[in-house]
Amino acid sequence: GRARLYAPARRGQEGERVWVDLSAGSLGDDERAVDAHLRREAEFDPDVWIVEIEDKQGRHFLTEPVDRQ
């Protein structure tokens, strides 16, 4: 029943690519809340890409830094 949601972003004046952990903020990590957020996002942006990774150890496999919101 838990999920994490990461979104791409740019950081600093150099524009370093990072990922923002949206689940660390007010969204939280309840899977139903994350799914509802993604449904709303898809209604707003029909070209949104959603990649789901299921890992028993909770790894995200992102190579860029992750910022907590």
C-alpha atoms as a PDB file:
ATOM      1  CA  GLY A   1       0.000   0.000   0.000  1.00  0.00           C
ATOM      2  CA  ARG A   2       3.011   2.344  -0.273  1.00  0.00           C
ATOM      3  CA  ALA A   3       4.394   4.161  -3.314  1.00  0.00           C
ATOM      4  CA  ARG A   4       6.960   6.869  -4.025  1.00  0.00           C
ATOM      5  CA  LEU A   5       6.538   9.462  -6.750  1.00  0.00           C
ATOM      6  CA  TYR A   6       9.552  11.137  -8.361  1.00  0.00           C
ATOM      7  CA  ALA A   7       9.429  13.984 -10.885  1.00  0.00           C
ATOM      8  CA  PRO A   8      12.269  15.414 -13.009  1.00  0.00           C
ATOM      9  CA  ALA A   9      13.503  18.920 -12.193  1.00  0.00           C
ATOM     10  CA  ARG A  10      16.456  21.254 -12.671  1.00  0.00           C
ATOM     11  CA  ARG A  11      18.531  22.605  -9.792  1.00  0.00           C
ATOM     12  CA  GLY A  12      20.770  25.654  -9.553  1.00  0.00           C
ATOM     13  CA  GLN A  13      21.935  28.116 -12.145  1.00  0.00           C
ATOM     14  CA  GLU A  14      23.718  25.381 -14.094  1.00  0.00           C
ATOM     15  CA  GLY A  15      20.451  23.483 -14.457  1.00  0.00           C
ATOM     16  CA  GLU A  16      21.666  20.197 -12.968  1.00  0.00           C
ATOM     17  CA  ARG A  17      19.099  17.482 -13.614  1.00  0.00           C
ATOM     18  CA  VAL A  18      17.668  16.023 -10.398  1.00  0.00           C
ATOM     19  CA  TRP A  19      14.611  14.079  -9.328  1.00  0.00           C
ATOM     20  CA  VAL A  20      12.230  15.479  -6.718  1.00  0.00           C
ATOM     21  CA  ASP A  21      10.656  12.992  -4.319  1.00  0.00           C
ATOM     22  CA  LEU A  22       7.073  14.284  -4.289  1.00  0.00           C
ATOM     23  CA  SER A  23       6.119  11.621  -1.746  1.00  0.00           C
ATOM     24  CA  ALA A  24       8.371  13.284   0.824  1.00  0.00           C
ATOM     25  CA  GLY A  25       6.054  16.328   0.825  1.00  0.00           C
ATOM     26  CA  SER A  26       2.340  16.716   1.415  1.00  0.00           C
ATOM     27  CA  LEU A  27       1.448  13.992  -1.120  1.00  0.00           C
ATOM     28  CA  GLY A  28       2.812  11.274   1.150  1.00  0.00           C
ATOM     29  CA  ASP A  29       3.470   7.677   0.184  1.00  0.00           C
ATOM     30  CA  ASP A  30      -0.015   6.160   0.339  1.00  0.00           C
ATOM     31  CA  GLU A  31      -0.379   4.245  -2.937  1.00  0.00           C
ATOM     32  CA  ARG A  32      -3.997   5.362  -3.457  1.00  0.00           C
ATOM     33  CA  ALA A  33      -3.049   9.039  -3.042  1.00  0.00           C
ATOM     34  CA  VAL A  34      -0.115   8.647  -5.459  1.00  0.00           C
ATOM     35  CA  ASP A  35      -2.359   6.880  -8.007  1.00  0.00           C
ATOM     36  CA  ALA A  36      -4.990   9.640  -7.716  1.00  0.00           C
ATOM     37  CA  HIS A  37      -2.301  12.288  -8.236  1.00  0.00           C
ATOM     38  CA  LEU A  38      -1.083  10.474 -11.353  1.00  0.00           C
ATOM     39  CA  ARG A  39      -4.638  10.209 -12.744  1.00  0.00           C
ATOM     40  CA  ARG A  40      -5.085  13.991 -12.319  1.00  0.00           C
ATOM     41  CA  GLU A  41      -1.691  14.602 -13.933  1.00  0.00           C
ATOM     42  CA  ALA A  42      -2.626  12.396 -16.921  1.00  0.00           C
ATOM     43  CA  GLU A  43      -5.881  14.355 -17.374  1.00  0.00           C
ATOM     44  CA  PHE A  44      -3.887  17.593 -17.416  1.00  0.00           C
ATOM     45  CA  ASP A  45      -0.991  16.274 -19.548  1.00  0.00           C
ATOM     46  CA  PRO A  46      -1.973  13.349 -21.800  1.00  0.00           C
ATOM     47  CA  ASP A  47       1.687  12.966 -22.881  1.00  0.00           C
ATOM     48  CA  VAL A  48       2.934  12.331 -19.334  1.00  0.00           C
ATOM     49  CA  TRP A  49       5.230   9.337 -18.954  1.00  0.00           C
ATOM     50  CA  ILE A  50       4.679   7.113 -15.944  1.00  0.00           C
ATOM     51  CA  VAL A  51       7.177   4.351 -15.189  1.00  0.00           C
ATOM     52  CA  GLU A  52       6.348   1.970 -12.358  1.00  0.00           C
ATOM     53  CA  ILE A  53       9.128   0.028 -10.657  1.00  0.00           C
ATOM     54  CA  GLU A  54       8.305  -2.629  -8.110  1.00  0.00           C
ATOM     55  CA  ASP A  55      11.308  -3.470  -5.951  1.00  0.00           C
ATOM     56  CA  LYS A  56      11.076  -5.318  -2.635  1.00  0.00           C
ATOM     57  CA  GLN A  57      13.978  -3.250  -1.274  1.00  0.00           C
ATOM     58  CA  GLY A  58      12.383   0.063  -2.299  1.00  0.00           C
ATOM     59  CA  ARG A  59      15.140   1.041  -4.735  1.00  0.00           C
ATOM     60  CA  HIS A  60      14.291   3.578  -7.435  1.00  0.00           C
ATOM     61  CA  PHE A  61      17.280   2.982  -9.766  1.00  0.00           C
ATOM     62  CA  LEU A  62      17.519   6.695 -10.670  1.00  0.00           C
ATOM     63  CA  THR A  63      21.040   7.766 -11.602  1.00  0.00           C
ATOM     64  CA  GLU A  64      20.648  11.510 -10.964  1.00  0.00           C
ATOM     65  CA  PRO A  65      20.480  12.972  -7.437  1.00  0.00           C
ATOM     66  CA  VAL A  66      17.122  12.858  -5.607  1.00  0.00           C
ATOM     67  CA  ASP A  67      15.929  15.928  -3.680  1.00  0.00           C
ATOM     68  CA  ARG A  68      13.296  15.619  -1.000  1.00  0.00           C
ATOM     69  CA  GLN A  69      10.514  18.154  -1.437  1.00  0.00           C
END
